[in-house]
């Protein structure tokens, strides 16, 4: 598994690439209903990568992460979505909620897997 520093760097780089591409193709993303939904999805990916960065930063700093990281990452993603189209804000929020659910489910699975390994030894 990647360390916190490597994961932070990777998430910042992917965040920057996605945000740049979203701003370059802003006109195309706002041109039709399907592309507007795609704009909301790309903004929810921004949520995922900013949440990864914030969580790893808090972990490496020794600060306890919680809902504050989620709210900050969501605000960042919603602001980015608002630069494309106002409907992107809604779709970004919905996609982000789905991504957050899946990340929480994967995190719980990995945590239980790690705890079961430590109990065996």
PDB file of N, CA and C in Angstrom:
ATOM      1  N   UNK A   1       0.835  -1.185   0.000  1.00  0.00           N
ATOM      2  CA  UNK A   1       0.000   0.000   0.000  1.00  0.00           C
ATOM      3  C   UNK A   1       0.877   1.244   0.000  1.00  0.00           C
ATOM      4  N   UNK A   2       0.356   2.308  -0.579  1.00  0.00           N
ATOM      5  CA  UNK A   2       1.080   3.572  -0.648  1.00  0.00           C
ATOM      6  C   UNK A   2       1.029   4.268   0.704  1.00  0.00           C
ATOM      7  N   UNK A   3       2.094   4.985   0.996  1.00  0.00           N
ATOM      8  CA  UNK A   3       2.127   5.759   2.232  1.00  0.00           C
ATOM      9  C   UNK A   3       1.279   6.999   2.109  1.00  0.00           C
ATOM     10  N   UNK A   4       1.141   7.719   3.212  1.00  0.00           N
ATOM     11  CA  UNK A   4       0.303   8.922   3.219  1.00  0.00           C
ATOM     12  C   UNK A   4       0.864   9.993   2.290  1.00  0.00           C
ATOM     13  N   UNK A   5       2.182  10.135   2.256  1.00  0.00           N
ATOM     14  CA  UNK A   5       2.795  11.154   1.400  1.00  0.00           C
ATOM     15  C   UNK A   5       2.605  10.871  -0.072  1.00  0.00           C
ATOM     16  N   UNK A   6       2.786   9.617  -0.457  1.00  0.00           N
ATOM     17  CA  UNK A   6       2.609   9.230  -1.855  1.00  0.00           C
ATOM     18  C   UNK A   6       1.157   9.388  -2.278  1.00  0.00           C
ATOM     19  N   UNK A   7       0.257   9.010  -1.412  1.00  0.00           N
ATOM     20  CA  UNK A   7      -1.164   9.128  -1.706  1.00  0.00           C
ATOM     21  C   UNK A   7      -1.596  10.592  -1.796  1.00  0.00           C
ATOM     22  N   UNK A   8      -1.013  11.431  -0.934  1.00  0.00           N
ATOM     23  CA  UNK A   8      -1.315  12.862  -0.989  1.00  0.00           C
ATOM     24  C   UNK A   8      -0.857  13.455  -2.310  1.00  0.00           C
ATOM     25  N   UNK A   9       0.355  13.136  -2.713  1.00  0.00           N
ATOM     26  CA  UNK A   9       0.898  13.669  -3.959  1.00  0.00           C
ATOM     27  C   UNK A   9       0.085  13.193  -5.158  1.00  0.00           C
ATOM     28  N   UNK A  10      -0.236  11.915  -5.183  1.00  0.00           N
ATOM     29  CA  UNK A  10      -1.027  11.382  -6.280  1.00  0.00           C
ATOM     30  C   UNK A  10      -2.406  12.005  -6.369  1.00  0.00           C
ATOM     31  N   UNK A  11      -3.054  12.185  -5.223  1.00  0.00           N
ATOM     32  CA  UNK A  11      -4.403  12.760  -5.240  1.00  0.00           C
ATOM     33  C   UNK A  11      -4.377  14.224  -5.664  1.00  0.00           C
ATOM     34  N   UNK A  12      -3.341  14.971  -5.278  1.00  0.00           N
ATOM     35  CA  UNK A  12      -3.240  16.374  -5.707  1.00  0.00           C
ATOM     36  C   UNK A  12      -3.011  16.445  -7.212  1.00  0.00           C
ATOM     37  N   UNK A  13      -2.169  15.573  -7.736  1.00  0.00           N
ATOM     38  CA  UNK A  13      -1.908  15.589  -9.176  1.00  0.00           C
ATOM     39  C   UNK A  13      -3.151  15.223  -9.983  1.00  0.00           C
ATOM     40  N   UNK A  14      -3.855  14.178  -9.571  1.00  0.00           N
ATOM     41  CA  UNK A  14      -5.073  13.781 -10.293  1.00  0.00           C
ATOM     42  C   UNK A  14      -6.149  14.862 -10.142  1.00  0.00           C
ATOM     43  N   UNK A  15      -6.266  15.460  -8.954  1.00  0.00           N
ATOM     44  CA  UNK A  15      -7.215  16.551  -8.734  1.00  0.00           C
ATOM     45  C   UNK A  15      -6.933  17.703  -9.694  1.00  0.00           C
ATOM     46  N   UNK A  16      -5.659  18.063  -9.824  1.00  0.00           N
ATOM     47  CA  UNK A  16      -5.287  19.174 -10.694  1.00  0.00           C
ATOM     48  C   UNK A  16      -5.590  18.870 -12.155  1.00  0.00           C
ATOM     49  N   UNK A  17      -5.309  17.652 -12.585  1.00  0.00           N
ATOM     50  CA  UNK A  17      -5.586  17.269 -13.970  1.00  0.00           C
ATOM     51  C   UNK A  17      -7.084  17.295 -14.248  1.00  0.00           C
ATOM     52  N   UNK A  18      -7.884  16.721 -13.368  1.00  0.00           N
ATOM     53  CA  UNK A  18      -9.336  16.684 -13.574  1.00  0.00           C
ATOM     54  C   UNK A  18      -9.924  18.097 -13.566  1.00  0.00           C
ATOM     55  N   UNK A  19      -9.492  18.921 -12.610  1.00  0.00           N
ATOM     56  CA  UNK A  19     -10.004  20.292 -12.548  1.00  0.00           C
ATOM     57  C   UNK A  19      -9.616  21.075 -13.795  1.00  0.00           C
ATOM     58  N   UNK A  20      -8.395  20.906 -14.268  1.00  0.00           N
ATOM     59  CA  UNK A  20      -7.949  21.613 -15.478  1.00  0.00           C
ATOM     60  C   UNK A  20      -8.768  21.185 -16.690  1.00  0.00           C
ATOM     61  N   UNK A  21      -8.944  19.881 -16.854  1.00  0.00           N
ATOM     62  CA  UNK A  21      -9.732  19.395 -17.984  1.00  0.00           C
ATOM     63  C   UNK A  21     -11.193  19.838 -17.891  1.00  0.00           C
ATOM     64  N   UNK A  22     -11.719  19.865 -16.687  1.00  0.00           N
ATOM     65  CA  UNK A  22     -13.106  20.301 -16.501  1.00  0.00           C
ATOM     66  C   UNK A  22     -13.261  21.770 -16.883  1.00  0.00           C
ATOM     67  N   UNK A  23     -12.284  22.578 -16.545  1.00  0.00           N
ATOM     68  CA  UNK A  23     -12.367  24.002 -16.885  1.00  0.00           C
ATOM     69  C   UNK A  23     -12.111  24.236 -18.375  1.00  0.00           C
ATOM     70  N   UNK A  24     -11.238  23.438 -18.989  1.00  0.00           N
ATOM     71  CA  UNK A  24     -10.987  23.582 -20.422  1.00  0.00           C
ATOM     72  C   UNK A  24     -12.245  23.234 -21.212  1.00  0.00           C
ATOM     73  N   UNK A  25     -12.925  22.161 -20.828  1.00  0.00           N
ATOM     74  CA  UNK A  25     -14.116  21.696 -21.543  1.00  0.00           C
ATOM     75  C   UNK A  25     -15.420  22.145 -20.874  1.00  0.00           C
ATOM     76  N   UNK A  26     -15.383  23.255 -20.174  1.00  0.00           N
ATOM     77  CA  UNK A  26     -16.560  23.758 -19.475  1.00  0.00           C
ATOM     78  C   UNK A  26     -17.727  24.004 -20.431  1.00  0.00           C
ATOM     79  N   UNK A  27     -17.455  24.604 -21.565  1.00  0.00           N
ATOM     80  CA  UNK A  27     -18.515  24.871 -22.544  1.00  0.00           C
ATOM     81  C   UNK A  27     -19.151  23.606 -23.065  1.00  0.00           C
ATOM     82  N   UNK A  28     -18.336  22.602 -23.342  1.00  0.00           N
ATOM     83  CA  UNK A  28     -18.859  21.323 -23.842  1.00  0.00           C
ATOM     84  C   UNK A  28     -19.673  20.615 -22.760  1.00  0.00           C
ATOM     85  N   UNK A  29     -19.203  20.663 -21.505  1.00  0.00           N
ATOM     86  CA  UNK A  29     -19.929  20.001 -20.417  1.00  0.00           C
ATOM     87  C   UNK A  29     -21.280  20.660 -20.135  1.00  0.00           C
ATOM     88  N   UNK A  30     -21.411  21.929 -20.456  1.00  0.00           N
ATOM     89  CA  UNK A  30     -22.675  22.626 -20.220  1.00  0.00           C
ATOM     90  C   UNK A  30     -23.589  22.618 -21.439  1.00  0.00           C
ATOM     91  N   UNK A  31     -23.156  21.959 -22.528  1.00  0.00           N
ATOM     92  CA  UNK A  31     -23.905  22.055 -23.780  1.00  0.00           C
ATOM     93  C   UNK A  31     -25.141  21.163 -23.854  1.00  0.00           C
ATOM     94  N   UNK A  32     -25.174  20.042 -23.144  1.00  0.00           N
ATOM     95  CA  UNK A  32     -26.348  19.169 -23.210  1.00  0.00           C
ATOM     96  C   UNK A  32     -26.605  18.553 -21.843  1.00  0.00           C
ATOM     97  N   UNK A  33     -27.756  17.902 -21.709  1.00  0.00           N
ATOM     98  CA  UNK A  33     -28.122  17.296 -20.431  1.00  0.00           C
ATOM     99  C   UNK A  33     -27.157  16.194 -20.025  1.00  0.00           C
ATOM    100  N   UNK A  34     -26.787  15.359 -20.979  1.00  0.00           N
ATOM    101  CA  UNK A  34     -25.886  14.246 -20.681  1.00  0.00           C
ATOM    102  C   UNK A  34     -24.504  14.750 -20.261  1.00  0.00           C
ATOM    103  N   UNK A  35     -24.008  15.761 -20.959  1.00  0.00           N
ATOM    104  CA  UNK A  35     -22.708  16.312 -20.591  1.00  0.00           C
ATOM    105  C   UNK A  35     -22.764  17.048 -19.257  1.00  0.00           C
ATOM    106  N   UNK A  36     -23.922  17.614 -18.926  1.00  0.00           N
ATOM    107  CA  UNK A  36     -24.066  18.267 -17.626  1.00  0.00           C
ATOM    108  C   UNK A  36     -23.980  17.231 -16.503  1.00  0.00           C
ATOM    109  N   UNK A  37     -24.587  16.086 -16.707  1.00  0.00           N
ATOM    110  CA  UNK A  37     -24.474  14.998 -15.722  1.00  0.00           C
ATOM    111  C   UNK A  37     -23.027  14.528 -15.632  1.00  0.00           C
ATOM    112  N   UNK A  38     -22.354  14.436 -16.778  1.00  0.00           N
ATOM    113  CA  UNK A  38     -20.939  14.070 -16.788  1.00  0.00           C
ATOM    114  C   UNK A  38     -20.100  15.112 -16.035  1.00  0.00           C
ATOM    115  N   UNK A  39     -20.457  16.386 -16.160  1.00  0.00           N
ATOM    116  CA  UNK A  39     -19.768  17.436 -15.408  1.00  0.00           C
ATOM    117  C   UNK A  39     -19.946  17.266 -13.906  1.00  0.00           C
ATOM    118  N   UNK A  40     -21.133  16.853 -13.488  1.00  0.00           N
ATOM    119  CA  UNK A  40     -21.351  16.575 -12.073  1.00  0.00           C
ATOM    120  C   UNK A  40     -20.554  15.380 -11.605  1.00  0.00           C
ATOM    121  N   UNK A  41     -20.420  14.368 -12.464  1.00  0.00           N
ATOM    122  CA  UNK A  41     -19.634  13.194 -12.108  1.00  0.00           C
ATOM    123  C   UNK A  41     -18.154  13.535 -11.977  1.00  0.00           C
ATOM    124  N   UNK A  42     -17.638  14.332 -12.911  1.00  0.00           N
ATOM    125  CA  UNK A  42     -16.226  14.712 -12.806  1.00  0.00           C
ATOM    126  C   UNK A  42     -15.979  15.558 -11.563  1.00  0.00           C
ATOM    127  N   UNK A  43     -16.950  16.372 -11.186  1.00  0.00           N
ATOM    128  CA  UNK A  43     -16.806  17.144  -9.952  1.00  0.00           C
ATOM    129  C   UNK A  43     -16.846  16.236  -8.733  1.00  0.00           C
ATOM    130  N   UNK A  44     -17.610  15.155  -8.791  1.00  0.00           N
ATOM    131  CA  UNK A  44     -17.616  14.219  -7.665  1.00  0.00           C
ATOM    132  C   UNK A  44     -16.284  13.474  -7.568  1.00  0.00           C
ATOM    133  N   UNK A  45     -15.604  13.288  -8.691  1.00  0.00           N
ATOM    134  CA  UNK A  45     -14.247  12.736  -8.635  1.00  0.00           C
ATOM    135  C   UNK A  45     -13.300  13.720  -7.949  1.00  0.00           C
ATOM    136  N   UNK A  46     -13.532  15.013  -8.171  1.00  0.00           N
ATOM    137  CA  UNK A  46     -12.760  16.032  -7.453  1.00  0.00           C
ATOM    138  C   UNK A  46     -12.996  15.907  -5.950  1.00  0.00           C
ATOM    139  N   UNK A  47     -14.244  15.623  -5.576  1.00  0.00           N
ATOM    140  CA  UNK A  47     -14.563  15.383  -4.166  1.00  0.00           C
ATOM    141  C   UNK A  47     -13.755  14.209  -3.621  1.00  0.00           C
ATOM    142  N   UNK A  48     -13.712  13.132  -4.366  1.00  0.00           N
ATOM    143  CA  UNK A  48     -13.005  11.931  -3.926  1.00  0.00           C
ATOM    144  C   UNK A  48     -11.513  12.197  -3.732  1.00  0.00           C
ATOM    145  N   UNK A  49     -10.897  12.862  -4.682  1.00  0.00           N
ATOM    146  CA  UNK A  49      -9.460  13.097  -4.584  1.00  0.00           C
ATOM    147  C   UNK A  49      -9.119  14.176  -3.563  1.00  0.00           C
ATOM    148  N   UNK A  50      -9.980  15.178  -3.395  1.00  0.00           N
ATOM    149  CA  UNK A  50      -9.712  16.167  -2.339  1.00  0.00           C
ATOM    150  C   UNK A  50      -9.932  15.544  -0.966  1.00  0.00           C
ATOM    151  N   UNK A  51     -10.897  14.645  -0.837  1.00  0.00           N
ATOM    152  CA  UNK A  51     -11.099  13.932   0.427  1.00  0.00           C
ATOM    153  C   UNK A  51      -9.895  13.052   0.747  1.00  0.00           C
ATOM    154  N   UNK A  52      -9.343  12.412  -0.274  1.00  0.00           N
ATOM    155  CA  UNK A  52      -8.141  11.603  -0.084  1.00  0.00           C
ATOM    156  C   UNK A  52      -6.985  12.461   0.389  1.00  0.00           C
ATOM    157  N   UNK A  53      -6.805  13.606  -0.245  1.00  0.00           N
ATOM    158  CA  UNK A  53      -5.714  14.497   0.156  1.00  0.00           C
ATOM    159  C   UNK A  53      -5.906  14.993   1.588  1.00  0.00           C
ATOM    160  N   UNK A  54      -7.089  15.474   1.905  1.00  0.00           N
ATOM    161  CA  UNK A  54      -7.340  16.026   3.236  1.00  0.00           C
ATOM    162  C   UNK A  54      -7.185  14.948   4.305  1.00  0.00           C
ATOM    163  N   UNK A  55      -7.723  13.758   4.043  1.00  0.00           N
ATOM    164  CA  UNK A  55      -7.604  12.662   5.006  1.00  0.00           C
ATOM    165  C   UNK A  55      -6.163  12.251   5.247  1.00  0.00           C
ATOM    166  N   UNK A  56      -5.374  12.162   4.185  1.00  0.00           N
ATOM    167  CA  UNK A  56      -3.967  11.798   4.334  1.00  0.00           C
ATOM    168  C   UNK A  56      -3.168  12.907   5.005  1.00  0.00           C
ATOM    169  N   UNK A  57      -3.518  14.152   4.716  1.00  0.00           N
ATOM    170  CA  UNK A  57      -2.846  15.265   5.370  1.00  0.00           C
ATOM    171  C   UNK A  57      -3.125  15.251   6.870  1.00  0.00           C
ATOM    172  N   UNK A  58      -4.368  15.007   7.233  1.00  0.00           N
ATOM    173  CA  UNK A  58      -4.714  14.945   8.652  1.00  0.00           C
ATOM    174  C   UNK A  58      -4.035  13.753   9.322  1.00  0.00           C
ATOM    175  N   UNK A  59      -3.951  12.640   8.622  1.00  0.00           N
ATOM    176  CA  UNK A  59      -3.299  11.461   9.197  1.00  0.00           C
ATOM    177  C   UNK A  59      -1.809  11.708   9.416  1.00  0.00           C
ATOM    178  N   UNK A  60      -1.164  12.338   8.452  1.00  0.00           N
ATOM    179  CA  UNK A  60       0.270  12.587   8.589  1.00  0.00           C
ATOM    180  C   UNK A  60       0.563  13.680   9.608  1.00  0.00           C
ATOM    181  N   UNK A  61      -0.403  14.574   9.844  1.00  0.00           N
ATOM    182  CA  UNK A  61      -0.225  15.630  10.837  1.00  0.00           C
ATOM    183  C   UNK A  61      -0.594  15.176  12.244  1.00  0.00           C
ATOM    184  N   UNK A  62      -1.230  14.022  12.354  1.00  0.00           N
ATOM    185  CA  UNK A  62      -1.655  13.528  13.652  1.00  0.00           C
ATOM    186  C   UNK A  62      -2.982  14.103  14.107  1.00  0.00           C
ATOM    187  N   UNK A  63      -3.700  14.736  13.201  1.00  0.00           N
ATOM    188  CA  UNK A  63      -5.009  15.305  13.519  1.00  0.00           C
ATOM    189  C   UNK A  63      -6.067  14.246  13.227  1.00  0.00           C
ATOM    190  N   UNK A  64      -7.065  14.155  14.096  1.00  0.00           N
ATOM    191  CA  UNK A  64      -8.133  13.184  13.882  1.00  0.00           C
ATOM    192  C   UNK A  64      -9.044  13.685  12.763  1.00  0.00           C
ATOM    193  N   UNK A  65      -9.258  12.830  11.780  1.00  0.00           N
ATOM    194  CA  UNK A  65     -10.142  13.216  10.680  1.00  0.00           C
ATOM    195  C   UNK A  65     -11.576  12.811  11.017  1.00  0.00           C
ATOM    196  N   UNK A  66     -12.507  13.506  10.431  1.00  0.00           N
ATOM    197  CA  UNK A  66     -13.914  13.226  10.683  1.00  0.00           C
ATOM    198  C   UNK A  66     -14.771  13.865   9.614  1.00  0.00           C
ATOM    199  N   UNK A  67     -15.944  14.312  10.009  1.00  0.00           N
ATOM    200  CA  UNK A  67     -16.885  14.900   9.070  1.00  0.00           C
ATOM    201  C   UNK A  67     -16.405  16.230   8.521  1.00  0.00           C
ATOM    202  N   UNK A  68     -15.511  16.894   9.238  1.00  0.00           N
ATOM    203  CA  UNK A  68     -14.985  18.165   8.745  1.00  0.00           C
ATOM    204  C   UNK A  68     -14.270  18.005   7.422  1.00  0.00           C
ATOM    205  N   UNK A  69     -13.534  16.913   7.271  1.00  0.00           N
ATOM    206  CA  UNK A  69     -12.838  16.642   6.012  1.00  0.00           C
ATOM    207  C   UNK A  69     -13.835  16.399   4.889  1.00  0.00           C
ATOM    208  N   UNK A  70     -14.895  15.697   5.181  1.00  0.00           N
ATOM    209  CA  UNK A  70     -15.918  15.402   4.176  1.00  0.00           C
ATOM    210  C   UNK A  70     -16.609  16.687   3.729  1.00  0.00           C
ATOM    211  N   UNK A  71     -16.956  17.528   4.686  1.00  0.00           N
ATOM    212  CA  UNK A  71     -17.652  18.769   4.357  1.00  0.00           C
ATOM    213  C   UNK A  71     -16.758  19.694   3.545  1.00  0.00           C
ATOM    214  N   UNK A  72     -15.486  19.812   3.934  1.00  0.00           N
ATOM    215  CA  UNK A  72     -14.558  20.662   3.188  1.00  0.00           C
ATOM    216  C   UNK A  72     -14.358  20.145   1.767  1.00  0.00           C
ATOM    217  N   UNK A  73     -14.188  18.847   1.611  1.00  0.00           N
ATOM    218  CA  UNK A  73     -14.018  18.267   0.276  1.00  0.00           C
ATOM    219  C   UNK A  73     -15.277  18.468  -0.566  1.00  0.00           C
ATOM    220  N   UNK A  74     -16.438  18.358   0.047  1.00  0.00           N
ATOM    221  CA  UNK A  74     -17.699  18.560  -0.689  1.00  0.00           C
ATOM    222  C   UNK A  74     -17.847  20.007  -1.130  1.00  0.00           C
ATOM    223  N   UNK A  75     -17.483  20.946  -0.278  1.00  0.00           N
ATOM    224  CA  UNK A  75     -17.555  22.361  -0.639  1.00  0.00           C
ATOM    225  C   UNK A  75     -16.637  22.661  -1.813  1.00  0.00           C
ATOM    226  N   UNK A  76     -15.429  22.105  -1.783  1.00  0.00           N
ATOM    227  CA  UNK A  76     -14.487  22.300  -2.890  1.00  0.00           C
ATOM    228  C   UNK A  76     -15.071  21.755  -4.189  1.00  0.00           C
ATOM    229  N   UNK A  77     -15.641  20.566  -4.139  1.00  0.00           N
ATOM    230  CA  UNK A  77     -16.207  19.949  -5.335  1.00  0.00           C
ATOM    231  C   UNK A  77     -17.427  20.712  -5.841  1.00  0.00           C
ATOM    232  N   UNK A  78     -18.260  21.202  -4.939  1.00  0.00           N
ATOM    233  CA  UNK A  78     -19.457  21.940  -5.364  1.00  0.00           C
ATOM    234  C   UNK A  78     -19.091  23.288  -5.983  1.00  0.00           C
ATOM    235  N   UNK A  79     -18.052  23.919  -5.474  1.00  0.00           N
ATOM    236  CA  UNK A  79     -17.601  25.178  -6.078  1.00  0.00           C
ATOM    237  C   UNK A  79     -17.066  24.915  -7.482  1.00  0.00           C
ATOM    238  N   UNK A  80     -16.306  23.838  -7.639  1.00  0.00           N
ATOM    239  CA  UNK A  80     -15.806  23.484  -8.974  1.00  0.00           C
ATOM    240  C   UNK A  80     -16.960  23.155  -9.910  1.00  0.00           C
ATOM    241  N   UNK A  81     -17.981  22.473  -9.408  1.00  0.00           N
ATOM    242  CA  UNK A  81     -19.142  22.128 -10.239  1.00  0.00           C
ATOM    243  C   UNK A  81     -19.931  23.369 -10.636  1.00  0.00           C
ATOM    244  N   UNK A  82     -19.956  24.352  -9.760  1.00  0.00           N
ATOM    245  CA  UNK A  82     -20.726  25.568 -10.063  1.00  0.00           C
ATOM    246  C   UNK A  82     -20.107  26.381 -11.192  1.00  0.00           C
ATOM    247  N   UNK A  83     -18.835  26.169 -11.487  1.00  0.00           N
ATOM    248  CA  UNK A  83     -18.218  26.894 -12.596  1.00  0.00           C
ATOM    249  C   UNK A  83     -18.635  26.326 -13.951  1.00  0.00           C
ATOM    250  N   UNK A  84     -19.178  25.115 -13.953  1.00  0.00           N
ATOM    251  CA  UNK A  84     -19.594  24.492 -15.214  1.00  0.00           C
ATOM    252  C   UNK A  84     -21.063  24.801 -15.504  1.00  0.00           C
ATOM    253  N   UNK A  85     -21.947  24.395 -14.597  1.00  0.00           N
ATOM    254  CA  UNK A  85     -23.397  24.586 -14.794  1.00  0.00           C
ATOM    255  C   UNK A  85     -24.076  24.388 -13.452  1.00  0.00           C
ATOM    256  N   UNK A  86     -25.212  25.040 -13.259  1.00  0.00           N
ATOM    257  CA  UNK A  86     -25.871  24.930 -11.952  1.00  0.00           C
ATOM    258  C   UNK A  86     -26.441  23.538 -11.698  1.00  0.00           C
ATOM    259  N   UNK A  87     -26.788  22.797 -12.740  1.00  0.00           N
ATOM    260  CA  UNK A  87     -27.270  21.430 -12.563  1.00  0.00           C
ATOM    261  C   UNK A  87     -26.125  20.511 -12.133  1.00  0.00           C
ATOM    262  N   UNK A  88     -24.909  20.855 -12.512  1.00  0.00           N
ATOM    263  CA  UNK A  88     -23.739  20.064 -12.105  1.00  0.00           C
ATOM    264  C   UNK A  88     -23.592  20.045 -10.588  1.00  0.00           C
ATOM    265  N   UNK A  89     -24.052  21.085  -9.925  1.00  0.00           N
ATOM    266  CA  UNK A  89     -23.966  21.135  -8.462  1.00  0.00           C
ATOM    267  C   UNK A  89     -24.800  20.001  -7.861  1.00  0.00           C
ATOM    268  N   UNK A  90     -26.016  19.841  -8.354  1.00  0.00           N
ATOM    269  CA  UNK A  90     -26.904  18.804  -7.836  1.00  0.00           C
ATOM    270  C   UNK A  90     -26.374  17.407  -8.150  1.00  0.00           C
ATOM    271  N   UNK A  91     -25.965  17.200  -9.399  1.00  0.00           N
ATOM    272  CA  UNK A  91     -25.469  15.876  -9.765  1.00  0.00           C
ATOM    273  C   UNK A  91     -24.160  15.563  -9.049  1.00  0.00           C
ATOM    274  N   UNK A  92     -23.331  16.574  -8.839  1.00  0.00           N
ATOM    275  CA  UNK A  92     -22.094  16.367  -8.084  1.00  0.00           C
ATOM    276  C   UNK A  92     -22.409  15.927  -6.660  1.00  0.00           C
ATOM    277  N   UNK A  93     -23.375  16.570  -6.035  1.00  0.00           N
ATOM    278  CA  UNK A  93     -23.741  16.204  -4.669  1.00  0.00           C
ATOM    279  C   UNK A  93     -24.239  14.761  -4.598  1.00  0.00           C
ATOM    280  N   UNK A  94     -25.072  14.376  -5.562  1.00  0.00           N
ATOM    281  CA  UNK A  94     -25.618  13.013  -5.562  1.00  0.00           C
ATOM    282  C   UNK A  94     -24.536  11.967  -5.833  1.00  0.00           C
ATOM    283  N   UNK A  95     -23.688  12.223  -6.817  1.00  0.00           N
ATOM    284  CA  UNK A  95     -22.597  11.295  -7.091  1.00  0.00           C
ATOM    285  C   UNK A  95     -21.616  11.229  -5.921  1.00  0.00           C
ATOM    286  N   UNK A  96     -21.371  12.372  -5.273  1.00  0.00           N
ATOM    287  CA  UNK A  96     -20.458  12.396  -4.126  1.00  0.00           C
ATOM    288  C   UNK A  96     -21.010  11.583  -2.963  1.00  0.00           C
ATOM    289  N   UNK A  97     -22.317  11.657  -2.753  1.00  0.00           N
ATOM    290  CA  UNK A  97     -22.927  10.862  -1.688  1.00  0.00           C
ATOM    291  C   UNK A  97     -22.756   9.370  -1.975  1.00  0.00           C
ATOM    292  N   UNK A  98     -22.936   8.976  -3.233  1.00  0.00           N
ATOM    293  CA  UNK A  98     -22.718   7.578  -3.606  1.00  0.00           C
ATOM    294  C   UNK A  98     -21.270   7.159  -3.434  1.00  0.00           C
ATOM    295  N   UNK A  99     -20.341   8.016  -3.844  1.00  0.00           N
ATOM    296  CA  UNK A  99     -18.923   7.703  -3.680  1.00  0.00           C
ATOM    297  C   UNK A  99     -18.540   7.611  -2.205  1.00  0.00           C
ATOM    298  N   UNK A 100     -19.095   8.508  -1.393  1.00  0.00           N
ATOM    299  CA  UNK A 100     -18.798   8.481   0.038  1.00  0.00           C
ATOM    300  C   UNK A 100     -19.303   7.187   0.673  1.00  0.00           C
ATOM    301  N   UNK A 101     -20.470   6.738   0.269  1.00  0.00           N
ATOM    302  CA  UNK A 101     -21.005   5.471   0.764  1.00  0.00           C
ATOM    303  C   UNK A 101     -20.078   4.313   0.406  1.00  0.00           C
ATOM    304  N   UNK A 102     -19.634   4.283  -0.855  1.00  0.00           N
ATOM    305  CA  UNK A 102     -18.761   3.199  -1.296  1.00  0.00           C
ATOM    306  C   UNK A 102     -17.396   3.249  -0.606  1.00  0.00           C
ATOM    307  N   UNK A 103     -16.843   4.442  -0.439  1.00  0.00           N
ATOM    308  CA  UNK A 103     -15.551   4.576   0.246  1.00  0.00           C
ATOM    309  C   UNK A 103     -15.679   4.123   1.692  1.00  0.00           C
ATOM    310  N   UNK A 104     -16.773   4.471   2.345  1.00  0.00           N
ATOM    311  CA  UNK A 104     -17.002   4.049   3.729  1.00  0.00           C
ATOM    312  C   UNK A 104     -17.125   2.531   3.820  1.00  0.00           C
ATOM    313  N   UNK A 105     -17.812   1.928   2.854  1.00  0.00           N
ATOM    314  CA  UNK A 105     -17.977   0.480   2.835  1.00  0.00           C
ATOM    315  C   UNK A 105     -16.626  -0.218   2.621  1.00  0.00           C
ATOM    316  N   UNK A 106     -15.828   0.288   1.694  1.00  0.00           N
ATOM    317  CA  UNK A 106     -14.505  -0.296   1.444  1.00  0.00           C
ATOM    318  C   UNK A 106     -13.597  -0.103   2.653  1.00  0.00           C
ATOM    319  N   UNK A 107     -13.682   1.061   3.274  1.00  0.00           N
ATOM    320  CA  UNK A 107     -12.864   1.333   4.458  1.00  0.00           C
ATOM    321  C   UNK A 107     -13.216   0.384   5.599  1.00  0.00           C
ATOM    322  N   UNK A 108     -14.491   0.148   5.815  1.00  0.00           N
ATOM    323  CA  UNK A 108     -14.918  -0.790   6.850  1.00  0.00           C
ATOM    324  C   UNK A 108     -14.457  -2.198   6.564  1.00  0.00           C
ATOM    325  N   UNK A 109     -14.506  -2.593   5.296  1.00  0.00           N
ATOM    326  CA  UNK A 109     -14.043  -3.927   4.915  1.00  0.00           C
ATOM    327  C   UNK A 109     -12.542  -4.067   5.163  1.00  0.00           C
ATOM    328  N   UNK A 110     -11.769  -3.061   4.754  1.00  0.00           N
ATOM    329  CA  UNK A 110     -10.315  -3.124   4.928  1.00  0.00           C
ATOM    330  C   UNK A 110      -9.937  -3.081   6.410  1.00  0.00           C
ATOM    331  N   UNK A 111     -10.670  -2.315   7.201  1.00  0.00           N
ATOM    332  CA  UNK A 111     -10.393  -2.241   8.632  1.00  0.00           C
ATOM    333  C   UNK A 111     -10.680  -3.572   9.317  1.00  0.00           C
ATOM    334  N   UNK A 112     -11.791  -4.203   8.969  1.00  0.00           N
ATOM    335  CA  UNK A 112     -12.110  -5.502   9.573  1.00  0.00           C
ATOM    336  C   UNK A 112     -11.112  -6.568   9.120  1.00  0.00           C
ATOM    337  N   UNK A 113     -10.640  -6.471   7.900  1.00  0.00           N
ATOM    338  CA  UNK A 113      -9.649  -7.406   7.382  1.00  0.00           C
ATOM    339  C   UNK A 113      -8.323  -7.240   8.143  1.00  0.00           C
ATOM    340  N   UNK A 114      -7.949  -6.003   8.409  1.00  0.00           N
ATOM    341  CA  UNK A 114      -6.714  -5.721   9.153  1.00  0.00           C
ATOM    342  C   UNK A 114      -6.834  -6.185  10.606  1.00  0.00           C
ATOM    343  N   UNK A 115      -7.990  -5.949  11.215  1.00  0.00           N
ATOM    344  CA  UNK A 115      -8.202  -6.371  12.607  1.00  0.00           C
ATOM    345  C   UNK A 115      -8.192  -7.882  12.736  1.00  0.00           C
ATOM    346  N   UNK A 116      -8.736  -8.584  11.759  1.00  0.00           N
ATOM    347  CA  UNK A 116      -8.744 -10.052  11.839  1.00  0.00           C
ATOM    348  C   UNK A 116      -7.337 -10.609  11.671  1.00  0.00           C
ATOM    349  N   UNK A 117      -6.497  -9.949  10.881  1.00  0.00           N
ATOM    350  CA  UNK A 117      -5.108 -10.394  10.752  1.00  0.00           C
ATOM    351  C   UNK A 117      -4.337 -10.170  12.043  1.00  0.00           C
ATOM    352  N   UNK A 118      -4.606  -9.048  12.724  1.00  0.00           N
ATOM    353  CA  UNK A 118      -3.864  -8.760  13.949  1.00  0.00           C
ATOM    354  C   UNK A 118      -4.322  -9.674  15.088  1.00  0.00           C
ATOM    355  N   UNK A 119      -5.557 -10.143  15.074  1.00  0.00           N
ATOM    356  CA  UNK A 119      -6.047 -11.054  16.117  1.00  0.00           C
ATOM    357  C   UNK A 119      -5.447 -12.456  15.976  1.00  0.00           C
ATOM    358  N   UNK A 120      -5.117 -12.846  14.742  1.00  0.00           N
ATOM    359  CA  UNK A 120      -4.551 -14.165  14.507  1.00  0.00           C
ATOM    360  C   UNK A 120      -3.129 -14.272  15.045  1.00  0.00           C
ATOM    361  N   UNK A 121      -2.408 -13.183  15.038  1.00  0.00           N
ATOM    362  CA  UNK A 121      -0.985 -13.236  15.417  1.00  0.00           C
ATOM    363  C   UNK A 121      -0.761 -12.836  16.824  1.00  0.00           C
TER     364      UNK A 121
END
